[in-house]
């Protein structure tokens, strides 16, 4: 498959525009893009299954491991996917940059980012608008407070904490040249500039996107997750300023976490839109 199809990855932080970006990219008939796929989890399971816990792992060589993992992608994106360029989305991909480089040397990773307090605010807004439905984001457990939910989101394995640490690893890692950061703030205010930057980054010819007729529907998935609106995308890209609903101390706790905003931190010259 990879000789016929180019594979790229969308990763980064939650509530930072990856669904919107996918909805825009898929307007191009050359591209396939969607919300988070199961491939990252399947890759982890396969690597574990071919490791020391398997008594027969002695008979699996590294070239065989690579072929098996490539085969997973080839079979997942089989003949029913006609597009020559595939964007696979998962927040875990930033933690797998060396593996992705080994399997698909020509691939690129686009990481969506956002000022962190507004990520917490966005999740809290979803929870408070669906108070009758326990959310998968918090293990389907009702109750708690904005403080306990912020703690859960930010811990090392949380919805925010894990991809945040993975993003840092990629940002400072050996394969940072293959990473492009897309700021939610730029995507919402100047989507054409973001699209132009992405096309240049992946070396694809320009395409005329319709920024006022965006279509994406994941209502059934969001309902099953107890979080209606989780992947909602407005039909038109627009920046809509709003006041935060976070207590001031919760907002302030995360104010300085956008490390990518400070040029002195960009030691690897990562491209940022």
Protein backbone atom coordinates (compact mmCIF):
# COMPACT_ATOMS: atom_id res chain seq x y z
CA UNK A 1 0.00 0.00 0.00
CA UNK A 2 2.66 2.52 0.99
CA UNK A 3 4.16 2.46 -2.51
CA UNK A 4 0.79 3.63 -3.82
CA UNK A 5 -0.42 5.74 -0.94
CA UNK A 6 1.19 8.41 1.23
CA UNK A 7 0.54 8.24 4.96
CA UNK A 8 0.66 11.21 7.34
CA UNK A 9 -0.49 11.61 10.94
CA UNK A 10 -2.57 14.11 12.90
CA UNK A 11 -1.83 14.27 16.61
CA UNK A 12 -1.40 16.85 19.39
CA UNK A 13 -3.64 18.07 22.19
CA UNK A 14 -7.36 17.45 22.73
CA UNK A 15 -9.96 20.13 22.00
CA UNK A 16 -7.42 21.84 19.74
CA UNK A 17 -8.96 21.61 16.28
CA UNK A 18 -7.96 18.18 14.97
CA UNK A 19 -11.55 17.29 14.02
CA UNK A 20 -12.00 20.64 12.28
CA UNK A 21 -8.70 20.17 10.46
CA UNK A 22 -9.70 16.68 9.34
CA UNK A 23 -13.09 17.96 8.16
CA UNK A 24 -11.30 20.57 6.04
CA UNK A 25 -8.64 18.24 4.65
CA UNK A 26 -11.17 15.62 3.57
CA UNK A 27 -12.73 18.15 1.20
CA UNK A 28 -9.76 17.38 -1.04
CA UNK A 29 -10.63 14.23 -3.03
CA UNK A 30 -6.97 13.15 -2.79
CA UNK A 31 -7.16 13.01 1.01
CA UNK A 32 -8.70 10.71 3.57
CA UNK A 33 -8.98 12.18 7.07
CA UNK A 34 -11.27 11.40 9.99
CA UNK A 35 -11.46 11.58 13.79
CA UNK A 36 -9.20 9.42 15.97
CA UNK A 37 -8.58 5.95 14.57
CA UNK A 38 -7.84 2.74 16.53
CA UNK A 39 -4.50 2.15 14.82
CA UNK A 40 -2.28 3.63 17.53
CA UNK A 41 -3.77 1.29 20.14
CA UNK A 42 -3.52 -1.69 17.80
CA UNK A 43 0.14 -0.87 17.11
CA UNK A 44 0.87 -0.83 20.85
CA UNK A 45 -0.92 -4.13 21.36
CA UNK A 46 0.99 -5.75 18.51
CA UNK A 47 4.35 -4.52 19.79
CA UNK A 48 3.53 -5.86 23.24
CA UNK A 49 2.32 -9.13 21.74
CA UNK A 50 5.59 -9.57 19.87
CA UNK A 51 7.65 -8.76 22.97
CA UNK A 52 9.10 -10.73 25.84
CA UNK A 53 5.73 -11.69 27.31
CA UNK A 54 5.29 -13.93 24.26
CA UNK A 55 7.36 -17.08 24.79
CA UNK A 56 7.82 -17.39 21.03
CA UNK A 57 9.09 -13.83 20.54
CA UNK A 58 12.56 -15.31 20.02
CA UNK A 59 11.37 -16.39 16.59
CA UNK A 60 10.20 -12.91 15.55
CA UNK A 61 12.90 -10.74 13.97
CA UNK A 62 12.84 -6.95 13.83
CA UNK A 63 12.26 -7.00 10.05
CA UNK A 64 9.28 -9.28 10.66
CA UNK A 65 7.96 -6.92 13.33
CA UNK A 66 8.20 -4.03 10.90
CA UNK A 67 6.41 -5.96 8.15
CA UNK A 68 3.63 -6.95 10.53
CA UNK A 69 3.14 -3.35 11.66
CA UNK A 70 3.18 -2.02 8.10
CA UNK A 71 0.71 -4.74 7.18
CA UNK A 72 -1.64 -3.49 9.88
CA UNK A 73 -1.81 -0.09 8.17
CA UNK A 74 -2.07 -1.65 4.73
CA UNK A 75 -5.02 -3.80 5.73
CA UNK A 76 -6.77 -1.11 7.75
CA UNK A 77 -6.61 1.30 4.81
CA UNK A 78 -7.51 -1.32 2.22
CA UNK A 79 -9.01 -1.12 -1.22
CA UNK A 80 -12.16 0.66 0.00
CA UNK A 81 -10.00 3.73 0.66
CA UNK A 82 -9.32 5.13 -2.79
CA UNK A 83 -7.55 8.34 -1.76
CA UNK A 84 -3.78 8.42 -2.41
CA UNK A 85 -3.07 10.44 0.78
CA UNK A 86 -4.21 9.25 4.20
CA UNK A 87 -4.10 11.23 7.45
CA UNK A 88 -4.44 8.93 10.46
CA UNK A 89 -5.42 10.74 13.65
CA UNK A 90 -4.52 9.83 17.20
CA UNK A 91 -3.12 11.85 20.10
CA UNK A 92 -0.62 9.06 20.78
CA UNK A 93 1.31 9.48 17.54
CA UNK A 94 3.55 12.22 18.97
CA UNK A 95 4.90 9.60 21.37
CA UNK A 96 5.74 7.30 18.45
CA UNK A 97 7.84 9.55 16.23
CA UNK A 98 10.85 7.17 16.03
CA UNK A 99 8.58 4.24 15.19
CA UNK A 100 6.71 6.22 12.51
CA UNK A 101 10.01 7.30 10.98
CA UNK A 102 11.15 3.67 10.90
CA UNK A 103 7.94 2.36 9.33
CA UNK A 104 7.11 5.27 7.02
CA UNK A 105 10.19 7.47 6.47
CA UNK A 106 8.34 9.95 4.22
CA UNK A 107 5.46 10.56 6.62
CA UNK A 108 4.86 13.83 8.49
CA UNK A 109 3.09 14.54 11.79
CA UNK A 110 0.74 17.50 12.22
CA UNK A 111 0.11 18.33 15.88
CA UNK A 112 -2.80 20.55 16.86
CA UNK A 113 -2.18 22.72 19.94
CA UNK A 114 -4.09 25.31 21.94
CA UNK A 115 -3.51 27.51 24.96
CA UNK A 116 -3.97 24.97 27.74
CA UNK A 117 -6.47 26.82 29.98
CA UNK A 118 -8.87 26.92 27.04
CA UNK A 119 -8.54 23.16 26.59
CA UNK A 120 -9.64 22.68 30.21
CA UNK A 121 -12.38 25.25 29.66
CA UNK A 122 -13.61 23.46 26.53
CA UNK A 123 -13.84 20.10 28.27
CA UNK A 124 -15.58 21.62 31.30
CA UNK A 125 -18.05 23.37 29.03
CA UNK A 126 -18.93 20.02 27.44
CA UNK A 127 -19.38 18.35 30.82
CA UNK A 128 -21.56 21.12 32.21
CA UNK A 129 -23.75 21.11 29.10
CA UNK A 130 -24.35 17.36 29.48
CA UNK A 131 -24.88 17.01 33.22
CA UNK A 132 -27.44 14.21 32.77
CA UNK A 133 -24.94 12.02 30.91
CA UNK A 134 -21.82 10.60 32.60
CA UNK A 135 -18.96 11.06 30.14
CA UNK A 136 -16.38 8.59 28.89
CA UNK A 137 -13.86 11.39 29.44
CA UNK A 138 -14.23 10.70 33.18
CA UNK A 139 -14.83 6.95 33.11
CA UNK A 140 -18.60 7.43 32.97
CA UNK A 141 -18.58 8.64 36.57
CA UNK A 142 -20.92 11.51 37.41
CA UNK A 143 -20.18 14.00 40.16
CA UNK A 144 -16.87 15.63 40.91
CA UNK A 145 -15.99 19.29 40.54
CA UNK A 146 -14.16 21.44 38.05
CA UNK A 147 -11.10 20.99 40.29
CA UNK A 148 -11.19 17.19 40.35
CA UNK A 149 -11.88 17.10 36.62
CA UNK A 150 -8.92 19.41 35.90
CA UNK A 151 -6.72 17.12 38.00
CA UNK A 152 -7.87 14.05 36.07
CA UNK A 153 -7.32 15.72 32.72
CA UNK A 154 -3.82 16.92 33.60
CA UNK A 155 -2.37 13.80 35.23
CA UNK A 156 0.31 11.88 33.34
CA UNK A 157 -2.16 9.40 31.83
CA UNK A 158 -5.06 11.85 31.51
CA UNK A 159 -6.82 13.09 28.41
CA UNK A 160 -4.59 16.19 28.42
CA UNK A 161 -1.54 15.11 30.40
CA UNK A 162 -0.52 12.17 28.22
CA UNK A 163 -0.72 13.95 24.83
CA UNK A 164 0.90 17.05 26.36
CA UNK A 165 3.92 15.00 27.46
CA UNK A 166 3.96 13.18 24.11
CA UNK A 167 3.95 16.53 22.31
CA UNK A 168 6.93 17.71 24.36
CA UNK A 169 8.78 14.51 23.53
CA UNK A 170 8.19 15.05 19.82
CA UNK A 171 8.94 18.79 19.98
CA UNK A 172 12.38 18.22 21.51
CA UNK A 173 13.08 14.83 19.91
CA UNK A 174 15.33 13.61 17.13
CA UNK A 175 12.53 13.66 14.55
CA UNK A 176 11.22 17.16 15.24
CA UNK A 177 11.90 18.16 11.61
CA UNK A 178 8.96 15.95 10.63
CA UNK A 179 6.62 17.76 13.03
CA UNK A 180 4.34 20.71 12.25
CA UNK A 181 2.40 22.47 15.01
CA UNK A 182 -0.97 23.99 14.13
CA UNK A 183 -2.27 26.45 16.71
CA UNK A 184 -6.02 26.34 17.23
CA UNK A 185 -5.99 30.10 17.47
CA UNK A 186 -4.54 30.38 13.94
CA UNK A 187 -6.78 27.66 12.53
CA UNK A 188 -9.89 29.46 13.78
CA UNK A 189 -8.83 32.95 12.71
CA UNK A 190 -6.93 32.25 9.46
CA UNK A 191 -7.70 28.71 8.24
CA UNK A 192 -6.42 29.39 4.73
CA UNK A 193 -2.95 30.22 6.07
CA UNK A 194 -2.95 26.95 8.00
CA UNK A 195 -4.02 24.93 4.96
CA UNK A 196 -1.38 26.63 2.80
CA UNK A 197 1.26 25.79 5.40
CA UNK A 198 0.17 22.15 5.62
CA UNK A 199 0.18 21.70 1.86
CA UNK A 200 3.70 23.11 1.69
CA UNK A 201 4.80 20.92 4.61
CA UNK A 202 3.59 17.67 2.99
CA UNK A 203 4.53 18.79 -0.54
CA UNK A 204 1.03 18.54 -1.99
CA UNK A 205 -0.43 20.77 -4.73
CA UNK A 206 -2.77 23.51 -3.54
CA UNK A 207 -6.49 22.86 -3.34
CA UNK A 208 -9.40 25.30 -3.05
CA UNK A 209 -11.21 24.50 0.21
CA UNK A 210 -14.70 25.73 1.06
CA UNK A 211 -14.33 27.35 4.47
CA UNK A 212 -18.05 28.03 4.73
CA UNK A 213 -19.45 24.60 3.92
CA UNK A 214 -17.71 22.20 6.29
CA UNK A 215 -19.37 18.85 6.89
CA UNK A 216 -18.58 16.33 9.60
CA UNK A 217 -20.88 14.09 11.64
CA UNK A 218 -19.84 12.03 14.66
CA UNK A 219 -23.03 12.44 16.67
CA UNK A 220 -23.55 8.71 17.23
CA UNK A 221 -20.00 8.25 18.55
CA UNK A 222 -20.30 11.28 20.83
CA UNK A 223 -23.64 10.10 22.19
CA UNK A 224 -22.22 6.67 23.03
CA UNK A 225 -19.34 8.42 24.78
CA UNK A 226 -21.82 10.32 26.94
CA UNK A 227 -20.48 13.59 25.55
CA UNK A 228 -22.71 15.02 22.81
CA UNK A 229 -20.89 17.78 20.98
CA UNK A 230 -17.43 16.30 21.51
CA UNK A 231 -16.67 16.26 17.77
CA UNK A 232 -19.08 18.92 16.57
CA UNK A 233 -17.76 21.08 13.74
CA UNK A 234 -19.45 24.30 12.72
CA UNK A 235 -20.25 24.66 9.00
CA UNK A 236 -18.10 27.79 8.79
CA UNK A 237 -14.67 28.42 10.34
CA UNK A 238 -14.76 31.36 12.70
CA UNK A 239 -13.10 32.56 15.87
CA UNK A 240 -15.72 33.12 18.57
CA UNK A 241 -14.29 34.87 21.65
CA UNK A 242 -16.02 33.97 24.91
CA UNK A 243 -15.43 34.36 28.63
CA UNK A 244 -14.05 31.34 30.47
CA UNK A 245 -16.24 29.43 32.88
CA UNK A 246 -13.22 28.22 34.87
CA UNK A 247 -12.54 29.58 38.36
CA UNK A 248 -9.62 32.06 38.17
CA UNK A 249 -7.23 29.78 40.07
CA UNK A 250 -7.87 26.85 37.72
CA UNK A 251 -7.36 29.06 34.66
CA UNK A 252 -4.16 30.53 36.13
CA UNK A 253 -2.79 27.06 36.92
CA UNK A 254 -2.37 26.29 33.22
CA UNK A 255 -1.61 29.76 31.85
CA UNK A 256 2.12 29.21 31.33
CA UNK A 257 1.96 25.70 29.85
CA UNK A 258 2.04 26.64 26.15
CA UNK A 259 5.78 26.04 25.79
CA UNK A 260 5.57 26.30 21.99
CA UNK A 261 4.70 30.00 22.27
CA UNK A 262 8.21 30.89 23.43
CA UNK A 263 10.83 30.99 20.62
CA UNK A 264 13.67 30.19 23.03
CA UNK A 265 12.08 26.78 23.63
CA UNK A 266 12.07 25.85 19.95
CA UNK A 267 15.57 24.42 19.95
CA UNK A 268 14.81 22.04 17.08
CA UNK A 269 13.30 24.63 14.75
CA UNK A 270 9.85 23.03 14.68
CA UNK A 271 7.53 24.71 12.20
CA UNK A 272 4.58 26.40 13.88
CA UNK A 273 1.53 27.88 12.18
